[in-house]
PDB file of N, CA and C in Angstrom:
ATOM      1  N   LEU A   1       0.830  -1.189   0.000  1.00  0.00           N
ATOM      2  CA  LEU A   1       0.000   0.000   0.000  1.00  0.00           C
ATOM      3  C   LEU A   1       0.872   1.249   0.000  1.00  0.00           C
ATOM      4  N   GLN A   2       0.426   2.229  -0.723  1.00  0.00           N
ATOM      5  CA  GLN A   2       1.142   3.497  -0.762  1.00  0.00           C
ATOM      6  C   GLN A   2       0.611   4.406   0.345  1.00  0.00           C
ATOM      7  N   THR A   3       1.539   5.116   0.981  1.00  0.00           N
ATOM      8  CA  THR A   3       1.167   6.054   2.024  1.00  0.00           C
ATOM      9  C   THR A   3       0.820   7.389   1.391  1.00  0.00           C
ATOM     10  N   SER A   4      -0.211   8.002   1.863  1.00  0.00           N
ATOM     11  CA  SER A   4      -0.603   9.323   1.385  1.00  0.00           C
ATOM     12  C   SER A   4       0.538  10.300   1.623  1.00  0.00           C
ATOM     13  N   PRO A   5       0.804  11.208   0.675  1.00  0.00           N
ATOM     14  CA  PRO A   5       1.889  12.180   0.857  1.00  0.00           C
ATOM     15  C   PRO A   5       1.743  13.007   2.140  1.00  0.00           C
ATOM     16  N   ALA A   6       0.522  13.205   2.581  1.00  0.00           N
ATOM     17  CA  ALA A   6       0.300  13.996   3.794  1.00  0.00           C
ATOM     18  C   ALA A   6       0.856  13.307   5.033  1.00  0.00           C
ATOM     19  N   PHE A   7       1.020  11.976   4.974  1.00  0.00           N
ATOM     20  CA  PHE A   7       1.464  11.217   6.136  1.00  0.00           C
ATOM     21  C   PHE A   7       2.895  10.700   6.024  1.00  0.00           C
ATOM     22  N   GLN A   8       3.608  11.044   4.969  1.00  0.00           N
ATOM     23  CA  GLN A   8       4.941  10.503   4.760  1.00  0.00           C
ATOM     24  C   GLN A   8       5.973  11.013   5.755  1.00  0.00           C
ATOM     25  N   ASN A   9       5.836  12.221   6.247  1.00  0.00           N
ATOM     26  CA  ASN A   9       6.837  12.796   7.145  1.00  0.00           C
ATOM     27  C   ASN A   9       6.408  12.801   8.605  1.00  0.00           C
ATOM     28  N   ILE A  10       5.399  12.023   8.928  1.00  0.00           N
ATOM     29  CA  ILE A  10       4.909  11.969  10.305  1.00  0.00           C
ATOM     30  C   ILE A  10       5.727  10.943  11.091  1.00  0.00           C
ATOM     31  N   GLU A  11       6.162  11.364  12.258  1.00  0.00           N
ATOM     32  CA  GLU A  11       6.948  10.489  13.126  1.00  0.00           C
ATOM     33  C   GLU A  11       6.056   9.402  13.724  1.00  0.00           C
ATOM     34  N   LYS A  12       6.585   8.200  13.803  1.00  0.00           N
ATOM     35  CA  LYS A  12       5.839   7.094  14.413  1.00  0.00           C
ATOM     36  C   LYS A  12       5.901   7.236  15.928  1.00  0.00           C
ATOM     37  N   ILE A  13       4.813   6.835  16.583  1.00  0.00           N
ATOM     38  CA  ILE A  13       4.779   6.869  18.049  1.00  0.00           C
ATOM     39  C   ILE A  13       4.479   5.469  18.559  1.00  0.00           C
ATOM     40  N   SER A  14       4.858   5.237  19.800  1.00  0.00           N
ATOM     41  CA  SER A  14       4.604   3.934  20.405  1.00  0.00           C
ATOM     42  C   SER A  14       3.145   3.851  20.858  1.00  0.00           C
ATOM     43  N   TYR A  15       2.736   2.644  21.199  1.00  0.00           N
ATOM     44  CA  TYR A  15       1.384   2.429  21.704  1.00  0.00           C
ATOM     45  C   TYR A  15       1.144   3.246  22.976  1.00  0.00           C
ATOM     46  N   ILE A  16       2.127   3.248  23.861  1.00  0.00           N
ATOM     47  CA  ILE A  16       1.998   3.994  25.124  1.00  0.00           C
ATOM     48  C   ILE A  16       1.842   5.486  24.838  1.00  0.00           C
ATOM     49  N   GLU A  17       2.626   6.008  23.914  1.00  0.00           N
ATOM     50  CA  GLU A  17       2.511   7.423  23.552  1.00  0.00           C
ATOM     51  C   GLU A  17       1.135   7.716  22.951  1.00  0.00           C
ATOM     52  N   PHE A  18       0.626   6.778  22.155  1.00  0.00           N
ATOM     53  CA  PHE A  18      -0.689   6.940  21.546  1.00  0.00           C
ATOM     54  C   PHE A  18      -1.779   6.971  22.614  1.00  0.00           C
ATOM     55  N   VAL A  19      -1.702   6.055  23.584  1.00  0.00           N
ATOM     56  CA  VAL A  19      -2.689   6.014  24.669  1.00  0.00           C
ATOM     57  C   VAL A  19      -2.634   7.307  25.483  1.00  0.00           C
ATOM     58  N   GLU A  20      -1.433   7.790  25.766  1.00  0.00           N
ATOM     59  CA  GLU A  20      -1.280   9.057  26.496  1.00  0.00           C
ATOM     60  C   GLU A  20      -1.864  10.221  25.697  1.00  0.00           C
ATOM     61  N   MET A  21      -1.646  10.214  24.393  1.00  0.00           N
ATOM     62  CA  MET A  21      -2.189  11.271  23.544  1.00  0.00           C
ATOM     63  C   MET A  21      -3.724  11.249  23.584  1.00  0.00           C
ATOM     64  N   LEU A  22      -4.313  10.053  23.486  1.00  0.00           N
ATOM     65  CA  LEU A  22      -5.770   9.945  23.565  1.00  0.00           C
ATOM     66  C   LEU A  22      -6.296  10.441  24.905  1.00  0.00           C
ATOM     67  N   ALA A  23      -5.602  10.098  25.990  1.00  0.00           N
ATOM     68  CA  ALA A  23      -6.021  10.549  27.325  1.00  0.00           C
ATOM     69  C   ALA A  23      -5.964  12.078  27.401  1.00  0.00           C
ATOM     70  N   ASN A  24      -4.930  12.662  26.837  1.00  0.00           N
ATOM     71  CA  ASN A  24      -4.804  14.126  26.843  1.00  0.00           C
ATOM     72  C   ASN A  24      -5.888  14.790  25.999  1.00  0.00           C
ATOM     73  N   ILE A  25      -6.211  14.186  24.867  1.00  0.00           N
ATOM     74  CA  ILE A  25      -7.289  14.722  24.027  1.00  0.00           C
ATOM     75  C   ILE A  25      -8.616  14.654  24.773  1.00  0.00           C
ATOM     76  N   ASN A  26      -8.894  13.501  25.398  1.00  0.00           N
ATOM     77  CA  ASN A  26     -10.142  13.363  26.157  1.00  0.00           C
ATOM     78  C   ASN A  26     -10.215  14.356  27.303  1.00  0.00           C
ATOM     79  N   LYS A  27      -9.087  14.580  27.981  1.00  0.00           N
ATOM     80  CA  LYS A  27      -9.063  15.555  29.081  1.00  0.00           C
ATOM     81  C   LYS A  27      -9.340  16.953  28.549  1.00  0.00           C
ATOM     82  N   GLU A  28      -8.755  17.288  27.422  1.00  0.00           N
ATOM     83  CA  GLU A  28      -8.976  18.616  26.840  1.00  0.00           C
ATOM     84  C   GLU A  28     -10.429  18.799  26.426  1.00  0.00           C
ATOM     85  N   ILE A  29     -11.049  17.743  25.907  1.00  0.00           N
ATOM     86  CA  ILE A  29     -12.471  17.816  25.556  1.00  0.00           C
ATOM     87  C   ILE A  29     -13.305  18.085  26.804  1.00  0.00           C
ATOM     88  N   LEU A  30     -13.005  17.372  27.902  1.00  0.00           N
ATOM     89  CA  LEU A  30     -13.723  17.603  29.164  1.00  0.00           C
ATOM     90  C   LEU A  30     -13.551  19.034  29.645  1.00  0.00           C
ATOM     91  N   ILE A  31     -12.334  19.551  29.564  1.00  0.00           N
ATOM     92  CA  ILE A  31     -12.058  20.919  30.014  1.00  0.00           C
ATOM     93  C   ILE A  31     -12.856  21.921  29.181  1.00  0.00           C
ATOM     94  N   GLN A  32     -12.881  21.734  27.870  1.00  0.00           N
ATOM     95  CA  GLN A  32     -13.618  22.656  27.003  1.00  0.00           C
ATOM     96  C   GLN A  32     -15.120  22.577  27.262  1.00  0.00           C
ATOM     97  N   GLN A  33     -15.652  21.376  27.484  1.00  0.00           N
ATOM     98  CA  GLN A  33     -17.072  21.238  27.816  1.00  0.00           C
ATOM     99  C   GLN A  33     -17.369  21.942  29.137  1.00  0.00           C
ATOM    100  N   PHE A  34     -16.488  21.758  30.123  1.00  0.00           N
ATOM    101  CA  PHE A  34     -16.661  22.385  31.430  1.00  0.00           C
ATOM    102  C   PHE A  34     -16.674  23.908  31.275  1.00  0.00           C
ATOM    103  N   ARG A  35     -15.725  24.432  30.517  1.00  0.00           N
ATOM    104  CA  ARG A  35     -15.601  25.892  30.336  1.00  0.00           C
ATOM    105  C   ARG A  35     -16.852  26.496  29.700  1.00  0.00           C
ATOM    106  N   ALA A  36     -17.547  25.731  28.870  1.00  0.00           N
ATOM    107  CA  ALA A  36     -18.771  26.229  28.236  1.00  0.00           C
ATOM    108  C   ALA A  36     -19.878  26.476  29.257  1.00  0.00           C
ATOM    109  N   TYR A  37     -19.797  25.839  30.430  1.00  0.00           N
ATOM    110  CA  TYR A  37     -20.821  25.969  31.469  1.00  0.00           C
ATOM    111  C   TYR A  37     -20.366  26.796  32.669  1.00  0.00           C
ATOM    112  N   GLU A  38     -19.130  27.249  32.679  1.00  0.00           N
ATOM    113  CA  GLU A  38     -18.597  27.967  33.847  1.00  0.00           C
ATOM    114  C   GLU A  38     -19.449  29.169  34.214  1.00  0.00           C
ATOM    115  N   LYS A  39     -19.749  29.286  35.515  1.00  0.00           N
ATOM    116  CA  LYS A  39     -20.447  30.480  35.998  1.00  0.00           C
ATOM    117  C   LYS A  39     -19.444  31.474  36.580  1.00  0.00           C
ATOM    118  N   SER A  40     -18.286  30.973  36.987  1.00  0.00           N
ATOM    119  CA  SER A  40     -17.126  31.784  37.372  1.00  0.00           C
ATOM    120  C   SER A  40     -15.907  30.921  37.067  1.00  0.00           C
ATOM    121  N   PRO A  41     -14.713  31.504  37.013  1.00  0.00           N
ATOM    122  CA  PRO A  41     -13.542  30.717  36.601  1.00  0.00           C
ATOM    123  C   PRO A  41     -13.366  29.424  37.414  1.00  0.00           C
ATOM    124  N   GLY A  42     -13.395  28.291  36.705  1.00  0.00           N
ATOM    125  CA  GLY A  42     -13.157  26.998  37.336  1.00  0.00           C
ATOM    126  C   GLY A  42     -14.310  26.430  38.126  1.00  0.00           C
ATOM    127  N   ILE A  43     -15.524  27.006  37.981  1.00  0.00           N
ATOM    128  CA  ILE A  43     -16.688  26.563  38.764  1.00  0.00           C
ATOM    129  C   ILE A  43     -17.920  26.442  37.871  1.00  0.00           C
ATOM    130  N   VAL A  44     -18.647  25.327  38.031  1.00  0.00           N
ATOM    131  CA  VAL A  44     -19.973  25.190  37.422  1.00  0.00           C
ATOM    132  C   VAL A  44     -20.959  24.858  38.538  1.00  0.00           C
ATOM    133  N   SER A  45     -22.230  25.095  38.270  1.00  0.00           N
ATOM    134  CA  SER A  45     -23.258  24.748  39.256  1.00  0.00           C
ATOM    135  C   SER A  45     -23.444  23.235  39.269  1.00  0.00           C
ATOM    136  N   GLY A  46     -24.053  22.744  40.331  1.00  0.00           N
ATOM    137  CA  GLY A  46     -24.346  21.320  40.432  1.00  0.00           C
ATOM    138  C   GLY A  46     -25.232  20.838  39.300  1.00  0.00           C
ATOM    139  N   ASN A  47     -26.249  21.649  38.954  1.00  0.00           N
ATOM    140  CA  ASN A  47     -27.142  21.271  37.855  1.00  0.00           C
ATOM    141  C   ASN A  47     -26.395  21.191  36.533  1.00  0.00           C
ATOM    142  N   ASP A  48     -25.512  22.162  36.294  1.00  0.00           N
ATOM    143  CA  ASP A  48     -24.731  22.141  35.055  1.00  0.00           C
ATOM    144  C   ASP A  48     -23.777  20.956  35.025  1.00  0.00           C
ATOM    145  N   CYS A  49     -23.185  20.621  36.162  1.00  0.00           N
ATOM    146  CA  CYS A  49     -22.301  19.471  36.248  1.00  0.00           C
ATOM    147  C   CYS A  49     -23.077  18.194  35.911  1.00  0.00           C
ATOM    148  N   LYS A  50     -24.250  18.075  36.468  1.00  0.00           N
ATOM    149  CA  LYS A  50     -25.099  16.912  36.194  1.00  0.00           C
ATOM    150  C   LYS A  50     -25.411  16.828  34.700  1.00  0.00           C
ATOM    151  N   GLN A  51     -25.724  17.966  34.088  1.00  0.00           N
ATOM    152  CA  GLN A  51     -26.016  18.013  32.660  1.00  0.00           C
ATOM    153  C   GLN A  51     -24.799  17.589  31.834  1.00  0.00           C
ATOM    154  N   LEU A  52     -23.616  18.062  32.222  1.00  0.00           N
ATOM    155  CA  LEU A  52     -22.383  17.686  31.536  1.00  0.00           C
ATOM    156  C   LEU A  52     -22.141  16.184  31.617  1.00  0.00           C
ATOM    157  N   ILE A  53     -22.313  15.635  32.795  1.00  0.00           N
ATOM    158  CA  ILE A  53     -22.081  14.198  32.998  1.00  0.00           C
ATOM    159  C   ILE A  53     -23.103  13.377  32.215  1.00  0.00           C
ATOM    160  N   GLU A  54     -24.356  13.804  32.250  1.00  0.00           N
ATOM    161  CA  GLU A  54     -25.396  13.079  31.521  1.00  0.00           C
ATOM    162  C   GLU A  54     -25.198  13.157  30.010  1.00  0.00           C
ATOM    163  N   SER A  55     -24.527  14.202  29.534  1.00  0.00           N
ATOM    164  CA  SER A  55     -24.278  14.303  28.089  1.00  0.00           C
ATOM    165  C   SER A  55     -23.260  13.254  27.642  1.00  0.00           C
ATOM    166  N   ARG A  56     -22.464  12.762  28.572  1.00  0.00           N
ATOM    167  CA  ARG A  56     -21.451  11.750  28.254  1.00  0.00           C
ATOM    168  C   ARG A  56     -21.963  10.332  28.531  1.00  0.00           C
ATOM    169  N   THR A  57     -22.766  10.173  29.564  1.00  0.00           N
ATOM    170  CA  THR A  57     -23.315   8.868  29.940  1.00  0.00           C
ATOM    171  C   THR A  57     -24.758   9.065  30.385  1.00  0.00           C
ATOM    172  N   PRO A  58     -25.719   8.495  29.661  1.00  0.00           N
ATOM    173  CA  PRO A  58     -27.119   8.652  30.074  1.00  0.00           C
ATOM    174  C   PRO A  58     -27.340   8.153  31.509  1.00  0.00           C
ATOM    175  N   LEU A  59     -28.147   8.887  32.247  1.00  0.00           N
ATOM    176  CA  LEU A  59     -28.401   8.583  33.648  1.00  0.00           C
ATOM    177  C   LEU A  59     -28.880   7.148  33.850  1.00  0.00           C
ATOM    178  N   GLU A  60     -29.711   6.647  32.945  1.00  0.00           N
ATOM    179  CA  GLU A  60     -30.240   5.290  33.116  1.00  0.00           C
ATOM    180  C   GLU A  60     -29.173   4.215  32.967  1.00  0.00           C
ATOM    181  N   ASN A  61     -28.014   4.564  32.414  1.00  0.00           N
ATOM    182  CA  ASN A  61     -26.905   3.607  32.280  1.00  0.00           C
ATOM    183  C   ASN A  61     -25.954   3.638  33.480  1.00  0.00           C
ATOM    184  N   MET A  62     -26.267   4.464  34.468  1.00  0.00           N
ATOM    185  CA  MET A  62     -25.402   4.587  35.648  1.00  0.00           C
ATOM    186  C   MET A  62     -25.975   3.779  36.807  1.00  0.00           C
ATOM    187  N   PRO A  63     -25.094   3.272  37.667  1.00  0.00           N
ATOM    188  CA  PRO A  63     -25.584   2.567  38.867  1.00  0.00           C
ATOM    189  C   PRO A  63     -26.411   3.513  39.743  1.00  0.00           C
ATOM    190  N   LEU A  64     -27.281   2.927  40.541  1.00  0.00           N
ATOM    191  CA  LEU A  64     -28.182   3.695  41.390  1.00  0.00           C
ATOM    192  C   LEU A  64     -27.429   4.653  42.311  1.00  0.00           C
ATOM    193  N   TYR A  65     -26.311   4.217  42.903  1.00  0.00           N
ATOM    194  CA  TYR A  65     -25.595   5.099  43.838  1.00  0.00           C
ATOM    195  C   TYR A  65     -25.050   6.348  43.137  1.00  0.00           C
ATOM    196  N   ILE A  66     -24.694   6.238  41.860  1.00  0.00           N
ATOM    197  CA  ILE A  66     -24.218   7.414  41.122  1.00  0.00           C
ATOM    198  C   ILE A  66     -25.402   8.297  40.742  1.00  0.00           C
ATOM    199  N   ARG A  67     -26.494   7.691  40.302  1.00  0.00           N
ATOM    200  CA  ARG A  67     -27.697   8.477  39.977  1.00  0.00           C
ATOM    201  C   ARG A  67     -28.179   9.261  41.184  1.00  0.00           C
ATOM    202  N   ASN A  68     -28.188   8.604  42.362  1.00  0.00           N
ATOM    203  CA  ASN A  68     -28.624   9.293  43.583  1.00  0.00           C
ATOM    204  C   ASN A  68     -27.708  10.464  43.902  1.00  0.00           C
ATOM    205  N   GLY A  69     -26.406  10.263  43.740  1.00  0.00           N
ATOM    206  CA  GLY A  69     -25.458  11.349  43.988  1.00  0.00           C
ATOM    207  C   GLY A  69     -25.664  12.513  43.036  1.00  0.00           C
ATOM    208  N   LEU A  70     -25.854  12.215  41.771  1.00  0.00           N
ATOM    209  CA  LEU A  70     -26.081  13.282  40.790  1.00  0.00           C
ATOM    210  C   LEU A  70     -27.403  13.994  41.026  1.00  0.00           C
ATOM    211  N   ASN A  71     -28.426  13.222  41.395  1.00  0.00           N
ATOM    212  CA  ASN A  71     -29.728  13.836  41.657  1.00  0.00           C
ATOM    213  C   ASN A  71     -29.717  14.731  42.887  1.00  0.00           C
ATOM    214  N   SER A  72     -28.736  14.548  43.760  1.00  0.00           N
ATOM    215  CA  SER A  72     -28.661  15.398  44.953  1.00  0.00           C
ATOM    216  C   SER A  72     -27.989  16.742  44.658  1.00  0.00           C
ATOM    217  N   LEU A  73     -27.378  16.884  43.470  1.00  0.00           N
ATOM    218  CA  LEU A  73     -26.747  18.159  43.112  1.00  0.00           C
ATOM    219  C   LEU A  73     -27.811  19.213  42.850  1.00  0.00           C
ATOM    220  N   SER A  74     -27.511  20.455  43.223  1.00  0.00           N
ATOM    221  CA  SER A  74     -28.458  21.538  43.002  1.00  0.00           C
ATOM    222  C   SER A  74     -27.750  22.728  42.365  1.00  0.00           C
ATOM    223  N   GLU A  75     -28.533  23.715  42.015  1.00  0.00           N
ATOM    224  CA  GLU A  75     -28.005  24.935  41.390  1.00  0.00           C
ATOM    225  C   GLU A  75     -27.033  25.656  42.310  1.00  0.00           C
ATOM    226  N   THR A  76     -27.211  25.518  43.618  1.00  0.00           N
ATOM    227  CA  THR A  76     -26.353  26.233  44.573  1.00  0.00           C
ATOM    228  C   THR A  76     -25.039  25.514  44.859  1.00  0.00           C
ATOM    229  N   ASP A  77     -24.901  24.257  44.424  1.00  0.00           N
ATOM    230  CA  ASP A  77     -23.644  23.533  44.601  1.00  0.00           C
ATOM    231  C   ASP A  77     -22.610  24.061  43.615  1.00  0.00           C
ATOM    232  N   ASN A  78     -21.391  24.221  44.080  1.00  0.00           N
ATOM    233  CA  ASN A  78     -20.286  24.641  43.218  1.00  0.00           C
ATOM    234  C   ASN A  78     -19.362  23.453  42.985  1.00  0.00           C
ATOM    235  N   ILE A  79     -19.166  23.107  41.721  1.00  0.00           N
ATOM    236  CA  ILE A  79     -18.305  21.994  41.349  1.00  0.00           C
ATOM    237  C   ILE A  79     -17.088  22.561  40.624  1.00  0.00           C
ATOM    238  N   SER A  80     -15.900  22.217  41.117  1.00  0.00           N
ATOM    239  CA  SER A  80     -14.670  22.724  40.499  1.00  0.00           C
ATOM    240  C   SER A  80     -14.276  21.865  39.302  1.00  0.00           C
ATOM    241  N   LEU A  81     -13.403  22.399  38.488  1.00  0.00           N
ATOM    242  CA  LEU A  81     -12.889  21.646  37.352  1.00  0.00           C
ATOM    243  C   LEU A  81     -12.182  20.381  37.829  1.00  0.00           C
ATOM    244  N   GLY A  82     -11.401  20.486  38.895  1.00  0.00           N
ATOM    245  CA  GLY A  82     -10.711  19.326  39.446  1.00  0.00           C
ATOM    246  C   GLY A  82     -11.673  18.240  39.887  1.00  0.00           C
ATOM    247  N   GLU A  83     -12.766  18.627  40.544  1.00  0.00           N
ATOM    248  CA  GLU A  83     -13.774  17.655  40.969  1.00  0.00           C
ATOM    249  C   GLU A  83     -14.448  16.997  39.763  1.00  0.00           C
ATOM    250  N   PHE A  84     -14.734  17.799  38.750  1.00  0.00           N
ATOM    251  CA  PHE A  84     -15.361  17.285  37.527  1.00  0.00           C
ATOM    252  C   PHE A  84     -14.444  16.286  36.829  1.00  0.00           C
ATOM    253  N   LEU A  85     -13.165  16.629  36.712  1.00  0.00           N
ATOM    254  CA  LEU A  85     -12.212  15.718  36.075  1.00  0.00           C
ATOM    255  C   LEU A  85     -12.040  14.440  36.896  1.00  0.00           C
ATOM    256  N   ALA A  86     -11.996  14.576  38.222  1.00  0.00           N
ATOM    257  CA  ALA A  86     -11.854  13.405  39.091  1.00  0.00           C
ATOM    258  C   ALA A  86     -13.067  12.485  38.957  1.00  0.00           C
ATOM    259  N   PHE A  87     -14.264  13.060  38.895  1.00  0.00           N
ATOM    260  CA  PHE A  87     -15.470  12.242  38.742  1.00  0.00           C
ATOM    261  C   PHE A  87     -15.441  11.501  37.413  1.00  0.00           C
ATOM    262  N   ASN A  88     -15.046  12.190  36.347  1.00  0.00           N
ATOM    263  CA  ASN A  88     -14.964  11.534  35.036  1.00  0.00           C
ATOM    264  C   ASN A  88     -13.925  10.423  35.031  1.00  0.00           C
ATOM    265  N   SER A  89     -12.828  10.619  35.738  1.00  0.00           N
ATOM    266  CA  SER A  89     -11.815   9.572  35.856  1.00  0.00           C
ATOM    267  C   SER A  89     -12.409   8.367  36.588  1.00  0.00           C
ATOM    268  N   PHE A  90     -13.138   8.641  37.658  1.00  0.00           N
ATOM    269  CA  PHE A  90     -13.826   7.572  38.389  1.00  0.00           C
ATOM    270  C   PHE A  90     -14.771   6.819  37.465  1.00  0.00           C
ATOM    271  N   MET A  91     -15.551   7.561  36.669  1.00  0.00           N
ATOM    272  CA  MET A  91     -16.508   6.920  35.765  1.00  0.00           C
ATOM    273  C   MET A  91     -15.789   6.050  34.724  1.00  0.00           C
ATOM    274  N   ASN A  92     -14.647   6.520  34.255  1.00  0.00           N
ATOM    275  CA  ASN A  92     -13.889   5.754  33.257  1.00  0.00           C
ATOM    276  C   ASN A  92     -13.294   4.477  33.840  1.00  0.00           C
ATOM    277  N   HIS A  93     -13.065   4.460  35.159  1.00  0.00           N
ATOM    278  CA  HIS A  93     -12.455   3.296  35.814  1.00  0.00           C
ATOM    279  C   HIS A  93     -13.418   2.593  36.776  1.00  0.00           C
ATOM    280  N   ARG A  94     -14.694   2.917  36.645  1.00  0.00           N
ATOM    281  CA  ARG A  94     -15.707   2.402  37.564  1.00  0.00           C
ATOM    282  C   ARG A  94     -15.726   0.881  37.616  1.00  0.00           C
ATOM    283  N   ASP A  95     -15.635   0.227  36.473  1.00  0.00           N
ATOM    284  CA  ASP A  95     -15.692  -1.246  36.459  1.00  0.00           C
ATOM    285  C   ASP A  95     -14.552  -1.846  37.279  1.00  0.00           C
ATOM    286  N   GLU A  96     -13.340  -1.297  37.116  1.00  0.00           N
ATOM    287  CA  GLU A  96     -12.190  -1.815  37.868  1.00  0.00           C
ATOM    288  C   GLU A  96     -12.346  -1.552  39.363  1.00  0.00           C
ATOM    289  N   ILE A  97     -12.879  -0.376  39.699  1.00  0.00           N
ATOM    290  CA  ILE A  97     -13.065  -0.027  41.108  1.00  0.00           C
ATOM    291  C   ILE A  97     -14.107  -0.947  41.740  1.00  0.00           C
ATOM    292  N   GLU A  98     -15.216  -1.153  41.050  1.00  0.00           N
ATOM    293  CA  GLU A  98     -16.267  -2.019  41.582  1.00  0.00           C
ATOM    294  C   GLU A  98     -15.775  -3.458  41.726  1.00  0.00           C
ATOM    295  N   LEU A  99     -14.966  -3.925  40.781  1.00  0.00           N
ATOM    296  CA  LEU A  99     -14.398  -5.270  40.873  1.00  0.00           C
ATOM    297  C   LEU A  99     -13.462  -5.382  42.071  1.00  0.00           C
ATOM    298  N   ALA A 100     -12.624  -4.370  42.275  1.00  0.00           N
ATOM    299  CA  ALA A 100     -11.702  -4.379  43.413  1.00  0.00           C
ATOM    300  C   ALA A 100     -12.464  -4.394  44.734  1.00  0.00           C
ATOM    301  N   ILE A 101     -13.535  -3.619  44.818  1.00  0.00           N
ATOM    302  CA  ILE A 101     -14.352  -3.603  46.045  1.00  0.00           C
ATOM    303  C   ILE A 101     -15.003  -4.957  46.266  1.00  0.00           C
ATOM    304  N   GLU A 102     -15.502  -5.572  45.188  1.00  0.00           N
ATOM    305  CA  GLU A 102     -16.139  -6.889  45.309  1.00  0.00           C
ATOM    306  C   GLU A 102     -15.136  -7.941  45.782  1.00  0.00           C
ATOM    307  N   ILE A 103     -13.943  -7.936  45.216  1.00  0.00           N
ATOM    308  CA  ILE A 103     -12.910  -8.896  45.619  1.00  0.00           C
ATOM    309  C   ILE A 103     -12.521  -8.666  47.074  1.00  0.00           C
ATOM    310  N   TYR A 104     -12.357  -7.410  47.458  1.00  0.00           N
ATOM    311  CA  TYR A 104     -11.995  -7.072  48.836  1.00  0.00           C
ATOM    312  C   TYR A 104     -13.083  -7.550  49.800  1.00  0.00           C
ATOM    313  N   THR A 105     -14.336  -7.337  49.419  1.00  0.00           N
ATOM    314  CA  THR A 105     -15.454  -7.760  50.260  1.00  0.00           C
ATOM    315  C   THR A 105     -15.522  -9.271  50.359  1.00  0.00           C
ATOM    316  N   LEU A 106     -15.316  -9.965  49.241  1.00  0.00           N
ATOM    317  CA  LEU A 106     -15.326 -11.425  49.255  1.00  0.00           C
ATOM    318  C   LEU A 106     -14.201 -11.995  50.106  1.00  0.00           C
ATOM    319  N   ALA A 107     -13.102 -11.248  50.199  1.00  0.00           N
ATOM    320  CA  ALA A 107     -11.969 -11.709  51.006  1.00  0.00           C
ATOM    321  C   ALA A 107     -12.191 -11.418  52.480  1.00  0.00           C
ATOM    322  N   GLY A 108     -13.337 -10.857  52.828  1.00  0.00           N
ATOM    323  CA  GLY A 108     -13.659 -10.623  54.217  1.00  0.00           C
ATOM    324  C   GLY A 108     -13.372  -9.218  54.704  1.00  0.00           C
ATOM    325  N   GLY A 109     -12.953  -8.347  53.819  1.00  0.00           N
ATOM    326  CA  GLY A 109     -12.682  -6.956  54.214  1.00  0.00           C
ATOM    327  C   GLY A 109     -13.963  -6.142  54.217  1.00  0.00           C
ATOM    328  N   SER A 110     -13.925  -5.058  54.920  1.00  0.00           N
ATOM    329  CA  SER A 110     -15.054  -4.146  54.979  1.00  0.00           C
ATOM    330  C   SER A 110     -14.696  -2.887  54.196  1.00  0.00           C
ATOM    331  N   VAL A 111     -15.577  -2.478  53.300  1.00  0.00           N
ATOM    332  CA  VAL A 111     -15.316  -1.298  52.477  1.00  0.00           C
ATOM    333  C   VAL A 111     -15.286  -0.041  53.327  1.00  0.00           C
ATOM    334  N   THR A 112     -15.924  -0.058  54.481  1.00  0.00           N
ATOM    335  CA  THR A 112     -15.957   1.115  55.339  1.00  0.00           C
ATOM    336  C   THR A 112     -14.689   1.287  56.166  1.00  0.00           C
ATOM    337  N   GLN A 113     -13.796   0.291  56.154  1.00  0.00           N
ATOM    338  CA  GLN A 113     -12.559   0.386  56.947  1.00  0.00           C
ATOM    339  C   GLN A 113     -11.600   1.380  56.343  1.00  0.00           C
TER     340      GLN A 113
END
């Protein structure tokens, strides 16, 4: 296969570099979405945060404990960019976290410890 002239001088990157690049792109997308809702620098309301999160993952696809948490957010709650990014990171790794909690619980540990 012939390579398009537009791609002939592009440096090759490793898989790890590619994954890091994708993570950075996704983070930048989150930051730009957050900035569109900012009511003051680095802050969105709880309702706006809920709307942002629901735009990425429909509420009905979330576990009950997350839906309850999101439903408790109000217009008077202030959510920082750091909190928003941390929540999205949690959502992206939710399956691994839930599996770790299940294994820990099965081994006789208490999640509240």
